[in-house]
Amino acid sequence: MKILVINGPNLNFLGIREKAVYGEESYASLIARIEKKAEQDGDTVECFQSNHEGAIIDRIQTAYSDGTDGIVINPGAYTHYSYAIHDALKSIEGIPKVEVHISDIQAREEFRRVSVTAQACDRQIVGHGLDGYAEAMDLIRELRT
């Protein structure tokens, strides 16, 4: 199975920004975890990170025709207002999508409690730290069967 993991703005600063919220592990550590999980499961994985909304939309649209079997996405701050990313996710029906958030967005600031992108995904995982990515990869497998 081919899984695409998309990370939005500022996730490349894991281990640097707001350690009390996002932890001490670096973005490189997250990628290593994801790649190890994929290898253990016999999957292929591509990790994509961008701080630019249009680049994220372009990558989602490319997934429609490049053999991607499922998408794990952490849209970062775009979660709360990007109807453009919502529409891109919605447009690729038939490809399972799981939204992940490292922190529990429901327990944070008011503006973080609404996810417009989750509405275009099959499931959402919040507050499970970096382990949420592995859980999302497992959910993609379940949704494909």
C-alpha atoms as a PDB file:
ATOM      1  CA  MET A   1       0.000   0.000   0.000  1.00  0.00           C
ATOM      2  CA  LYS A   2       1.219   3.502  -0.811  1.00  0.00           C
ATOM      3  CA  ILE A   3       0.552   6.052   1.936  1.00  0.00           C
ATOM      4  CA  LEU A   4       1.095   9.778   1.587  1.00  0.00           C
ATOM      5  CA  VAL A   5       1.757  11.695   4.823  1.00  0.00           C
ATOM      6  CA  ILE A   6       1.247  15.431   4.473  1.00  0.00           C
ATOM      7  CA  ASN A   7       2.368  17.888   7.142  1.00  0.00           C
ATOM      8  CA  GLY A   8       1.436  21.527   6.986  1.00  0.00           C
ATOM      9  CA  PRO A   9       2.970  24.732   8.260  1.00  0.00           C
ATOM     10  CA  ASN A  10       5.440  24.767  11.135  1.00  0.00           C
ATOM     11  CA  LEU A  11       5.491  20.998  11.571  1.00  0.00           C
ATOM     12  CA  ASN A  12       9.048  21.088  10.258  1.00  0.00           C
ATOM     13  CA  PHE A  13       9.787  22.915  13.541  1.00  0.00           C
ATOM     14  CA  LEU A  14       8.828  19.989  15.785  1.00  0.00           C
ATOM     15  CA  GLY A  15      11.215  19.855  18.727  1.00  0.00           C
ATOM     16  CA  ILE A  16      11.822  23.594  18.341  1.00  0.00           C
ATOM     17  CA  ARG A  17       8.445  25.273  18.766  1.00  0.00           C
ATOM     18  CA  GLU A  18       6.142  24.996  21.772  1.00  0.00           C
ATOM     19  CA  LYS A  19       7.793  21.928  23.281  1.00  0.00           C
ATOM     20  CA  ALA A  20       5.203  21.801  26.056  1.00  0.00           C
ATOM     21  CA  VAL A  21       2.534  21.242  23.395  1.00  0.00           C
ATOM     22  CA  TYR A  22       4.335  19.296  20.650  1.00  0.00           C
ATOM     23  CA  GLY A  23       7.144  17.579  22.556  1.00  0.00           C
ATOM     24  CA  GLU A  24      10.902  17.374  22.241  1.00  0.00           C
ATOM     25  CA  GLU A  25      11.175  15.102  19.194  1.00  0.00           C
ATOM     26  CA  SER A  26      12.286  16.654  15.931  1.00  0.00           C
ATOM     27  CA  TYR A  27      10.572  16.500  12.562  1.00  0.00           C
ATOM     28  CA  ALA A  28      13.339  14.140  11.403  1.00  0.00           C
ATOM     29  CA  SER A  29      12.438  11.840  14.287  1.00  0.00           C
ATOM     30  CA  LEU A  30       8.779  11.880  13.244  1.00  0.00           C
ATOM     31  CA  ILE A  31       9.730  10.970   9.673  1.00  0.00           C
ATOM     32  CA  ALA A  32      11.930   8.128  10.924  1.00  0.00           C
ATOM     33  CA  ARG A  33       9.002   6.781  12.978  1.00  0.00           C
ATOM     34  CA  ILE A  34       6.670   6.946   9.977  1.00  0.00           C
ATOM     35  CA  GLU A  35       9.173   5.240   7.683  1.00  0.00           C
ATOM     36  CA  LYS A  36       9.824   2.492  10.249  1.00  0.00           C
ATOM     37  CA  LYS A  37       6.076   1.867  10.620  1.00  0.00           C
ATOM     38  CA  ALA A  38       5.644   1.664   6.851  1.00  0.00           C
ATOM     39  CA  GLU A  39       8.543  -0.763   6.546  1.00  0.00           C
ATOM     40  CA  GLN A  40       7.138  -2.983   9.311  1.00  0.00           C
ATOM     41  CA  ASP A  41       3.741  -3.049   7.604  1.00  0.00           C
ATOM     42  CA  GLY A  42       5.160  -3.630   4.122  1.00  0.00           C
ATOM     43  CA  ASP A  43       3.903  -0.266   2.900  1.00  0.00           C
ATOM     44  CA  THR A  44       5.590   2.470   0.950  1.00  0.00           C
ATOM     45  CA  VAL A  45       5.327   5.959   2.349  1.00  0.00           C
ATOM     46  CA  GLU A  46       6.004   9.430   1.086  1.00  0.00           C
ATOM     47  CA  CYS A  47       6.303  12.255   3.586  1.00  0.00           C
ATOM     48  CA  PHE A  48       5.585  15.739   2.304  1.00  0.00           C
ATOM     49  CA  GLN A  49       5.791  18.952   4.316  1.00  0.00           C
ATOM     50  CA  SER A  50       5.071  22.475   3.203  1.00  0.00           C
ATOM     51  CA  ASN A  51       4.404  25.821   4.798  1.00  0.00           C
ATOM     52  CA  HIS A  52       2.509  26.825   1.647  1.00  0.00           C
ATOM     53  CA  GLU A  53      -1.176  26.119   1.157  1.00  0.00           C
ATOM     54  CA  GLY A  54      -0.958  25.851  -2.621  1.00  0.00           C
ATOM     55  CA  ALA A  55       1.854  23.282  -2.464  1.00  0.00           C
ATOM     56  CA  ILE A  56      -0.259  21.140  -0.136  1.00  0.00           C
ATOM     57  CA  ILE A  57      -3.225  21.385  -2.506  1.00  0.00           C
ATOM     58  CA  ASP A  58      -1.015  20.487  -5.478  1.00  0.00           C
ATOM     59  CA  ARG A  59       0.279  17.394  -3.653  1.00  0.00           C
ATOM     60  CA  ILE A  60      -3.240  16.290  -2.690  1.00  0.00           C
ATOM     61  CA  GLN A  61      -4.364  16.633  -6.305  1.00  0.00           C
ATOM     62  CA  THR A  62      -1.349  14.658  -7.542  1.00  0.00           C
ATOM     63  CA  ALA A  63      -2.337  11.834  -5.168  1.00  0.00           C
ATOM     64  CA  TYR A  64      -5.456  11.298  -7.267  1.00  0.00           C
ATOM     65  CA  SER A  65      -3.441   9.821 -10.132  1.00  0.00           C
ATOM     66  CA  ASP A  66      -0.103   8.673  -8.691  1.00  0.00           C
ATOM     67  CA  GLY A  67      -1.212   5.424  -7.067  1.00  0.00           C
ATOM     68  CA  THR A  68      -1.654   6.786  -3.558  1.00  0.00           C
ATOM     69  CA  ASP A  69      -3.825   4.401  -1.529  1.00  0.00           C
ATOM     70  CA  GLY A  70      -4.371   6.632   1.491  1.00  0.00           C
ATOM     71  CA  ILE A  71      -3.505  10.024   2.958  1.00  0.00           C
ATOM     72  CA  VAL A  72      -2.543  10.946   6.502  1.00  0.00           C
ATOM     73  CA  ILE A  73      -2.675  14.710   6.873  1.00  0.00           C
ATOM     74  CA  ASN A  74      -1.813  17.157   9.606  1.00  0.00           C
ATOM     75  CA  PRO A  75      -2.765  20.466   8.001  1.00  0.00           C
ATOM     76  CA  GLY A  76      -1.349  22.483  10.908  1.00  0.00           C
ATOM     77  CA  ALA A  77      -2.980  25.893  11.230  1.00  0.00           C
ATOM     78  CA  TYR A  78      -4.700  25.409   7.866  1.00  0.00           C
ATOM     79  CA  THR A  79      -6.954  22.967   9.726  1.00  0.00           C
ATOM     80  CA  HIS A  80      -9.012  25.817  11.056  1.00  0.00           C
ATOM     81  CA  TYR A  81      -9.689  27.875   7.955  1.00  0.00           C
ATOM     82  CA  SER A  82      -8.508  26.311   4.702  1.00  0.00           C
ATOM     83  CA  TYR A  83     -11.575  25.536   2.686  1.00  0.00           C
ATOM     84  CA  ALA A  84      -9.205  25.201  -0.271  1.00  0.00           C
ATOM     85  CA  ILE A  85      -7.472  22.205   1.376  1.00  0.00           C
ATOM     86  CA  HIS A  86     -10.906  20.900   2.412  1.00  0.00           C
ATOM     87  CA  ASP A  87     -12.051  21.058  -1.210  1.00  0.00           C
ATOM     88  CA  ALA A  88      -8.881  19.354  -2.474  1.00  0.00           C
ATOM     89  CA  LEU A  89      -9.328  16.512   0.022  1.00  0.00           C
ATOM     90  CA  LYS A  90     -13.017  16.218  -0.813  1.00  0.00           C
ATOM     91  CA  SER A  91     -12.267  16.051  -4.533  1.00  0.00           C
ATOM     92  CA  ILE A  92     -10.280  12.824  -4.275  1.00  0.00           C
ATOM     93  CA  GLU A  93     -13.079  10.512  -3.216  1.00  0.00           C
ATOM     94  CA  GLY A  94     -12.112   6.867  -3.026  1.00  0.00           C
ATOM     95  CA  ILE A  95      -8.783   7.581  -1.333  1.00  0.00           C
ATOM     96  CA  PRO A  96      -9.090   7.203   2.452  1.00  0.00           C
ATOM     97  CA  LYS A  97      -7.953  10.236   4.419  1.00  0.00           C
ATOM     98  CA  VAL A  98      -7.173  10.532   8.131  1.00  0.00           C
ATOM     99  CA  GLU A  99      -6.479  13.873   9.796  1.00  0.00           C
ATOM    100  CA  VAL A 100      -3.954  13.846  12.643  1.00  0.00           C
ATOM    101  CA  HIS A 101      -3.147  16.396  15.309  1.00  0.00           C
ATOM    102  CA  ILE A 102      -0.329  15.893  17.797  1.00  0.00           C
ATOM    103  CA  SER A 103      -2.095  17.927  20.479  1.00  0.00           C
ATOM    104  CA  ASP A 104      -5.726  17.729  21.527  1.00  0.00           C
ATOM    105  CA  ILE A 105      -7.117  20.618  19.510  1.00  0.00           C
ATOM    106  CA  GLN A 106     -10.396  20.381  21.443  1.00  0.00           C
ATOM    107  CA  ALA A 107      -8.582  21.298  24.676  1.00  0.00           C
ATOM    108  CA  ARG A 108      -6.682  24.266  23.270  1.00  0.00           C
ATOM    109  CA  GLU A 109      -7.578  27.811  22.214  1.00  0.00           C
ATOM    110  CA  GLU A 110     -11.099  28.372  20.934  1.00  0.00           C
ATOM    111  CA  PHE A 111      -9.972  28.986  17.337  1.00  0.00           C
ATOM    112  CA  ARG A 112      -8.236  25.578  17.224  1.00  0.00           C
ATOM    113  CA  ARG A 113     -11.366  23.631  18.144  1.00  0.00           C
ATOM    114  CA  VAL A 114     -12.911  23.799  14.688  1.00  0.00           C
ATOM    115  CA  SER A 115     -11.475  21.725  11.858  1.00  0.00           C
ATOM    116  CA  VAL A 116     -12.808  22.538   8.427  1.00  0.00           C
ATOM    117  CA  THR A 117     -10.487  19.955   6.872  1.00  0.00           C
ATOM    118  CA  ALA A 118     -11.672  17.035   9.058  1.00  0.00           C
ATOM    119  CA  GLN A 119     -15.042  17.294   7.334  1.00  0.00           C
ATOM    120  CA  ALA A 120     -13.335  16.081   4.145  1.00  0.00           C
ATOM    121  CA  CYS A 121     -11.552  13.181   5.883  1.00  0.00           C
ATOM    122  CA  ASP A 122     -12.784   9.768   6.904  1.00  0.00           C
ATOM    123  CA  ARG A 123     -11.449   9.989  10.448  1.00  0.00           C
ATOM    124  CA  GLN A 124      -9.576  12.297  12.815  1.00  0.00           C
ATOM    125  CA  ILE A 125      -7.034  11.492  15.533  1.00  0.00           C
ATOM    126  CA  VAL A 126      -6.185  14.189  18.079  1.00  0.00           C
ATOM    127  CA  GLY A 127      -4.006  14.355  21.154  1.00  0.00           C
ATOM    128  CA  HIS A 128      -2.066  11.109  20.739  1.00  0.00           C
ATOM    129  CA  GLY A 129       1.263  12.817  20.146  1.00  0.00           C
ATOM    130  CA  LEU A 130       3.486  11.498  17.382  1.00  0.00           C
ATOM    131  CA  ASP A 131       1.945   8.042  17.891  1.00  0.00           C
ATOM    132  CA  GLY A 132      -1.167   9.401  16.184  1.00  0.00           C
ATOM    133  CA  TYR A 133       0.580   9.073  12.829  1.00  0.00           C
ATOM    134  CA  ALA A 134       1.046   5.303  13.250  1.00  0.00           C
ATOM    135  CA  GLU A 135      -2.579   5.018  14.362  1.00  0.00           C
ATOM    136  CA  ALA A 136      -3.642   6.932  11.259  1.00  0.00           C
ATOM    137  CA  MET A 137      -1.612   4.608   9.039  1.00  0.00           C
ATOM    138  CA  ASP A 138      -3.406   1.642  10.641  1.00  0.00           C
ATOM    139  CA  LEU A 139      -6.752   3.348  10.023  1.00  0.00           C
ATOM    140  CA  ILE A 140      -5.866   3.841   6.358  1.00  0.00           C
ATOM    141  CA  ARG A 141      -5.273   0.087   6.105  1.00  0.00           C
ATOM    142  CA  GLU A 142      -8.648  -0.626   7.753  1.00  0.00           C
ATOM    143  CA  LEU A 143     -10.456   1.834   5.517  1.00  0.00           C
ATOM    144  CA  ARG A 144      -8.939   0.219   2.388  1.00  0.00           C
ATOM    145  CA  THR A 145     -10.293  -3.232   3.249  1.00  0.00           C
END
